[in-house]
Structures are given as C-alpha cells and as structure tokens.
N, C-alpha and C. Protein backbone atom coordinates (compact mmCIF):
# COMPACT_ATOMS: atom_id res chain seq x y z
N UNK A 1 0.85 -1.17 0.00
CA UNK A 1 0.00 0.00 0.00
C UNK A 1 0.90 1.23 0.00
N UNK A 2 0.59 2.15 -0.87
CA UNK A 2 1.37 3.37 -0.98
C UNK A 2 1.03 4.33 0.14
N UNK A 3 1.92 5.28 0.35
CA UNK A 3 1.73 6.24 1.44
C UNK A 3 0.47 7.08 1.22
N UNK A 4 0.18 7.42 -0.02
CA UNK A 4 -1.03 8.21 -0.30
C UNK A 4 -2.29 7.41 0.00
N UNK A 5 -2.25 6.11 -0.30
CA UNK A 5 -3.40 5.26 0.00
C UNK A 5 -3.59 5.15 1.51
N UNK A 6 -2.50 5.10 2.25
CA UNK A 6 -2.59 4.98 3.70
C UNK A 6 -3.20 6.25 4.30
N UNK A 7 -2.86 7.41 3.78
CA UNK A 7 -3.46 8.64 4.30
C UNK A 7 -4.95 8.69 3.97
N UNK A 8 -5.33 8.16 2.81
CA UNK A 8 -6.75 8.08 2.46
C UNK A 8 -7.49 7.14 3.40
N UNK A 9 -6.86 6.03 3.73
CA UNK A 9 -7.49 5.05 4.62
C UNK A 9 -7.70 5.65 6.01
N UNK A 10 -6.74 6.41 6.49
CA UNK A 10 -6.86 7.01 7.81
C UNK A 10 -7.99 8.03 7.88
N UNK A 11 -8.39 8.57 6.75
CA UNK A 11 -9.48 9.55 6.72
C UNK A 11 -10.86 8.90 6.72
N UNK A 12 -10.93 7.62 6.37
CA UNK A 12 -12.22 6.94 6.28
C UNK A 12 -12.78 6.65 7.67
N UNK A 13 -14.10 6.49 7.75
CA UNK A 13 -14.70 6.12 9.02
C UNK A 13 -14.68 4.60 9.19
N UNK A 14 -15.07 4.14 10.34
CA UNK A 14 -14.93 2.73 10.70
C UNK A 14 -15.73 1.82 9.78
N UNK A 15 -16.95 2.22 9.43
CA UNK A 15 -17.79 1.37 8.57
C UNK A 15 -17.16 1.17 7.20
N UNK A 16 -16.62 2.23 6.62
CA UNK A 16 -15.97 2.12 5.32
C UNK A 16 -14.72 1.25 5.40
N UNK A 17 -14.01 1.37 6.52
CA UNK A 17 -12.82 0.55 6.71
C UNK A 17 -13.19 -0.93 6.84
N UNK A 18 -14.30 -1.21 7.51
CA UNK A 18 -14.73 -2.59 7.64
C UNK A 18 -15.12 -3.18 6.29
N UNK A 19 -15.74 -2.36 5.45
CA UNK A 19 -16.08 -2.82 4.09
C UNK A 19 -14.81 -3.12 3.31
N UNK A 20 -13.83 -2.26 3.44
CA UNK A 20 -12.56 -2.47 2.74
C UNK A 20 -11.86 -3.73 3.25
N UNK A 21 -11.94 -3.97 4.55
CA UNK A 21 -11.33 -5.17 5.13
C UNK A 21 -12.01 -6.43 4.60
N UNK A 22 -13.32 -6.41 4.51
CA UNK A 22 -14.05 -7.57 3.97
C UNK A 22 -13.65 -7.83 2.52
N UNK A 23 -13.51 -6.75 1.75
CA UNK A 23 -13.12 -6.89 0.34
C UNK A 23 -11.71 -7.49 0.23
N UNK A 24 -10.81 -7.04 1.08
CA UNK A 24 -9.44 -7.58 1.06
C UNK A 24 -9.43 -9.06 1.46
N UNK A 25 -10.25 -9.42 2.44
CA UNK A 25 -10.33 -10.83 2.84
C UNK A 25 -10.82 -11.70 1.68
N UNK A 26 -11.78 -11.19 0.93
CA UNK A 26 -12.29 -11.93 -0.23
C UNK A 26 -11.21 -12.06 -1.30
N UNK A 27 -10.47 -10.97 -1.53
CA UNK A 27 -9.40 -11.02 -2.52
C UNK A 27 -8.32 -12.02 -2.11
N UNK A 28 -7.99 -12.06 -0.83
CA UNK A 28 -6.99 -13.01 -0.34
C UNK A 28 -7.47 -14.44 -0.55
N UNK A 29 -8.75 -14.68 -0.26
CA UNK A 29 -9.30 -16.03 -0.46
C UNK A 29 -9.26 -16.42 -1.93
N UNK A 30 -9.61 -15.48 -2.81
CA UNK A 30 -9.58 -15.76 -4.24
C UNK A 30 -8.15 -16.03 -4.73
N UNK A 31 -7.21 -15.21 -4.25
CA UNK A 31 -5.82 -15.41 -4.66
C UNK A 31 -5.27 -16.74 -4.15
N UNK A 32 -5.66 -17.11 -2.94
CA UNK A 32 -5.21 -18.39 -2.39
C UNK A 32 -5.77 -19.55 -3.21
N UNK A 33 -7.01 -19.43 -3.59
CA UNK A 33 -7.62 -20.46 -4.43
C UNK A 33 -6.90 -20.56 -5.78
N UNK A 34 -6.61 -19.41 -6.37
CA UNK A 34 -5.88 -19.41 -7.64
C UNK A 34 -4.49 -20.04 -7.48
N UNK A 35 -3.84 -19.75 -6.36
CA UNK A 35 -2.51 -20.32 -6.12
C UNK A 35 -2.60 -21.84 -5.99
N UNK A 36 -3.60 -22.30 -5.27
CA UNK A 36 -3.75 -23.74 -5.07
C UNK A 36 -4.12 -24.47 -6.37
N UNK A 37 -4.78 -23.76 -7.27
CA UNK A 37 -5.14 -24.36 -8.55
C UNK A 37 -4.05 -24.13 -9.60
N UNK A 38 -2.94 -23.54 -9.14
CA UNK A 38 -1.76 -23.28 -9.99
C UNK A 38 -2.08 -22.37 -11.18
N UNK A 39 -3.00 -21.43 -10.96
CA UNK A 39 -3.32 -20.44 -11.98
C UNK A 39 -2.53 -19.15 -11.77
N UNK A 40 -1.90 -19.03 -10.64
CA UNK A 40 -1.28 -17.77 -10.25
C UNK A 40 0.23 -17.81 -10.50
N UNK A 41 0.74 -16.73 -11.09
CA UNK A 41 2.16 -16.64 -11.34
C UNK A 41 2.85 -15.82 -10.24
N UNK A 42 2.22 -14.74 -9.81
CA UNK A 42 2.81 -13.86 -8.80
C UNK A 42 2.25 -14.21 -7.42
N UNK A 43 2.94 -15.08 -6.71
CA UNK A 43 2.46 -15.51 -5.39
C UNK A 43 2.72 -14.47 -4.31
N UNK A 44 3.52 -13.46 -4.60
CA UNK A 44 3.78 -12.41 -3.62
C UNK A 44 2.56 -11.51 -3.44
N UNK A 45 1.63 -11.58 -4.35
CA UNK A 45 0.43 -10.76 -4.27
C UNK A 45 -0.37 -11.09 -3.00
N UNK A 46 -0.38 -12.36 -2.62
CA UNK A 46 -1.10 -12.75 -1.41
C UNK A 46 -0.49 -12.06 -0.20
N UNK A 47 0.82 -12.05 -0.14
CA UNK A 47 1.53 -11.40 0.97
C UNK A 47 1.21 -9.90 1.01
N UNK A 48 1.18 -9.27 -0.14
CA UNK A 48 0.88 -7.83 -0.21
C UNK A 48 -0.53 -7.55 0.26
N UNK A 49 -1.48 -8.38 -0.15
CA UNK A 49 -2.88 -8.18 0.26
C UNK A 49 -3.05 -8.41 1.76
N UNK A 50 -2.34 -9.40 2.31
CA UNK A 50 -2.41 -9.64 3.75
C UNK A 50 -1.84 -8.46 4.53
N UNK A 51 -0.79 -7.88 4.00
CA UNK A 51 -0.20 -6.71 4.64
C UNK A 51 -1.17 -5.52 4.59
N UNK A 52 -1.82 -5.33 3.47
CA UNK A 52 -2.82 -4.27 3.34
C UNK A 52 -3.97 -4.48 4.33
N UNK A 53 -4.40 -5.73 4.44
CA UNK A 53 -5.48 -6.06 5.38
C UNK A 53 -5.06 -5.75 6.81
N UNK A 54 -3.83 -6.10 7.16
CA UNK A 54 -3.34 -5.83 8.51
C UNK A 54 -3.30 -4.33 8.79
N UNK A 55 -2.92 -3.55 7.81
CA UNK A 55 -2.88 -2.10 7.99
C UNK A 55 -4.29 -1.53 8.18
N UNK A 56 -5.24 -2.02 7.41
CA UNK A 56 -6.62 -1.55 7.54
C UNK A 56 -7.18 -1.93 8.91
N UNK A 57 -6.92 -3.17 9.33
CA UNK A 57 -7.40 -3.60 10.64
C UNK A 57 -6.76 -2.81 11.77
N UNK A 58 -5.50 -2.42 11.60
CA UNK A 58 -4.82 -1.60 12.60
C UNK A 58 -5.47 -0.23 12.71
N UNK A 59 -5.80 0.37 11.59
CA UNK A 59 -6.46 1.68 11.60
C UNK A 59 -7.84 1.56 12.25
N UNK A 60 -8.57 0.49 11.96
CA UNK A 60 -9.88 0.28 12.58
C UNK A 60 -9.72 0.22 14.10
N UNK A 61 -8.76 -0.56 14.57
CA UNK A 61 -8.54 -0.72 16.01
C UNK A 61 -8.16 0.62 16.65
N UNK A 62 -7.31 1.39 15.98
CA UNK A 62 -6.91 2.69 16.50
C UNK A 62 -8.10 3.62 16.63
N UNK A 63 -8.95 3.64 15.61
CA UNK A 63 -10.12 4.51 15.65
C UNK A 63 -11.10 4.09 16.75
N UNK A 64 -11.27 2.77 16.93
CA UNK A 64 -12.16 2.29 17.98
C UNK A 64 -11.62 2.68 19.36
N UNK A 65 -10.33 2.50 19.56
CA UNK A 65 -9.74 2.86 20.85
C UNK A 65 -9.77 4.36 21.09
N UNK A 66 -9.60 5.13 20.04
CA UNK A 66 -9.66 6.57 20.18
C UNK A 66 -11.06 7.03 20.57
N UNK A 67 -12.07 6.42 19.99
CA UNK A 67 -13.44 6.80 20.35
C UNK A 67 -13.75 6.40 21.79
N UNK A 68 -13.29 5.24 22.23
CA UNK A 68 -13.50 4.82 23.62
C UNK A 68 -12.78 5.77 24.56
N UNK A 69 -11.56 6.12 24.23
CA UNK A 69 -10.79 7.03 25.07
C UNK A 69 -11.43 8.41 25.15
N UNK A 70 -11.90 8.92 24.02
CA UNK A 70 -12.52 10.25 24.03
C UNK A 70 -13.82 10.23 24.82
N UNK A 71 -14.57 9.11 24.76
CA UNK A 71 -15.79 8.99 25.56
C UNK A 71 -15.47 8.97 27.04
N UNK A 72 -14.43 8.24 27.43
CA UNK A 72 -14.04 8.20 28.83
C UNK A 72 -13.57 9.57 29.29
N UNK A 73 -12.85 10.26 28.45
CA UNK A 73 -12.34 11.58 28.80
C UNK A 73 -13.49 12.57 28.97
N UNK A 74 -14.47 12.51 28.08
CA UNK A 74 -15.61 13.42 28.21
C UNK A 74 -16.44 13.09 29.44
N UNK A 75 -16.56 11.80 29.79
CA UNK A 75 -17.28 11.41 31.00
C UNK A 75 -16.58 11.92 32.25
N UNK A 76 -15.25 11.82 32.27
CA UNK A 76 -14.50 12.31 33.42
C UNK A 76 -14.59 13.81 33.54
N UNK A 77 -14.51 14.53 32.43
CA UNK A 77 -14.57 15.98 32.48
C UNK A 77 -15.94 16.45 32.94
N UNK A 78 -17.00 15.76 32.52
CA UNK A 78 -18.34 16.15 32.96
C UNK A 78 -18.53 15.84 34.44
N UNK A 79 -17.93 14.76 34.94
CA UNK A 79 -18.05 14.45 36.37
C UNK A 79 -17.25 15.44 37.20
N UNK A 80 -16.12 15.91 36.71
CA UNK A 80 -15.33 16.91 37.43
C UNK A 80 -16.10 18.22 37.50
N UNK A 81 -16.74 18.59 36.41
CA UNK A 81 -17.54 19.81 36.38
C UNK A 81 -18.70 19.70 37.36
N UNK A 82 -19.37 18.57 37.40
CA UNK A 82 -20.51 18.42 38.30
C UNK A 82 -20.04 18.43 39.75
N UNK A 83 -18.86 17.91 40.05
CA UNK A 83 -18.34 17.94 41.41
C UNK A 83 -18.01 19.36 41.83
N UNK A 84 -17.43 20.14 40.93
CA UNK A 84 -17.10 21.53 41.28
C UNK A 84 -18.38 22.34 41.46
N UNK A 85 -19.41 22.06 40.66
CA UNK A 85 -20.70 22.73 40.85
C UNK A 85 -21.30 22.37 42.19
N UNK A 86 -21.16 21.13 42.59
CA UNK A 86 -21.69 20.67 43.88
C UNK A 86 -20.97 21.37 45.03
N UNK A 87 -19.66 21.53 44.89
CA UNK A 87 -18.90 22.22 45.93
C UNK A 87 -19.31 23.67 46.04
N UNK A 88 -19.55 24.32 44.91
CA UNK A 88 -20.00 25.72 44.93
C UNK A 88 -21.36 25.84 45.60
N UNK A 89 -22.25 24.90 45.28
CA UNK A 89 -23.59 24.91 45.87
C UNK A 89 -23.51 24.68 47.37
N UNK A 90 -22.68 23.75 47.80
CA UNK A 90 -22.50 23.48 49.22
C UNK A 90 -21.93 24.70 49.94
N UNK A 91 -21.00 25.38 49.29
CA UNK A 91 -20.39 26.57 49.90
C UNK A 91 -21.41 27.68 50.04
N UNK A 92 -22.31 27.83 49.09
CA UNK A 92 -23.35 28.85 49.18
C UNK A 92 -24.32 28.55 50.32
N UNK A 93 -24.66 27.27 50.49
CA UNK A 93 -25.62 26.88 51.51
C UNK A 93 -25.04 27.12 52.91
N UNK A 94 -23.75 26.88 53.06
CA UNK A 94 -23.13 27.01 54.38
C UNK A 94 -22.57 28.41 54.60
N UNK A 95 -22.71 29.27 53.64
CA UNK A 95 -22.22 30.63 53.78
C UNK A 95 -20.71 30.72 53.60
N UNK A 96 -20.16 29.84 52.81
CA UNK A 96 -18.72 29.87 52.52
C UNK A 96 -17.92 29.05 53.50
N UNK A 97 -18.56 28.51 54.56
CA UNK A 97 -17.86 27.68 55.54
C UNK A 97 -17.89 26.23 55.11
N UNK A 98 -16.85 25.53 55.41
CA UNK A 98 -16.78 24.11 55.08
C UNK A 98 -17.15 23.25 56.23
C-alpha cells in the first residue's frame, strides 16, 4: 500500500474501513484459491494483500480505541464539572464555611 493510500485510509470512518477489510479478505481467499489451482504466477500478491489487510485492521482498532478514550475523557470531564458545581452549591448553603 502506498503512502497516499494509507493517508486516504486514515481519513475513512470505521464502517468504510470494515467494508474495505471484507473486500481484502475476499481477494486473499480468491488469490489463495488461484494459487492452489496453480493459476497464479505472482504468489507475492497474497503477501501484499495480507499486509494491506493488517494495515486496515490496525487503523480500525486505532479509531475504535480513540473513540473509547474520548468517551471516557468526556465522561471524566463532565463528572469533574458536576463535582465543582456541587462544591460551589454546598459553599453557598453554608455561607462559605466548610
């Protein structure tokens, strides 16, 4: 996979990446079948397709982990805000005394 193709892949969303992964898996299966039937001359193509598949799956995993991390971060930030609001409310009720 060329560097330009890799930058394009990183821009895609998870669903499009999963479609691309399925297509690559099908291509690998077809190439393997051709190799086993001795119709294939360039057997390195299977290796290249497997490498492309691994790269796509890596990007999918990165995007999934990034979304989980950003959700956790937003949950923590909202809980910190709610705690500081609670402290302000408590301080108002007690007249600034703790």
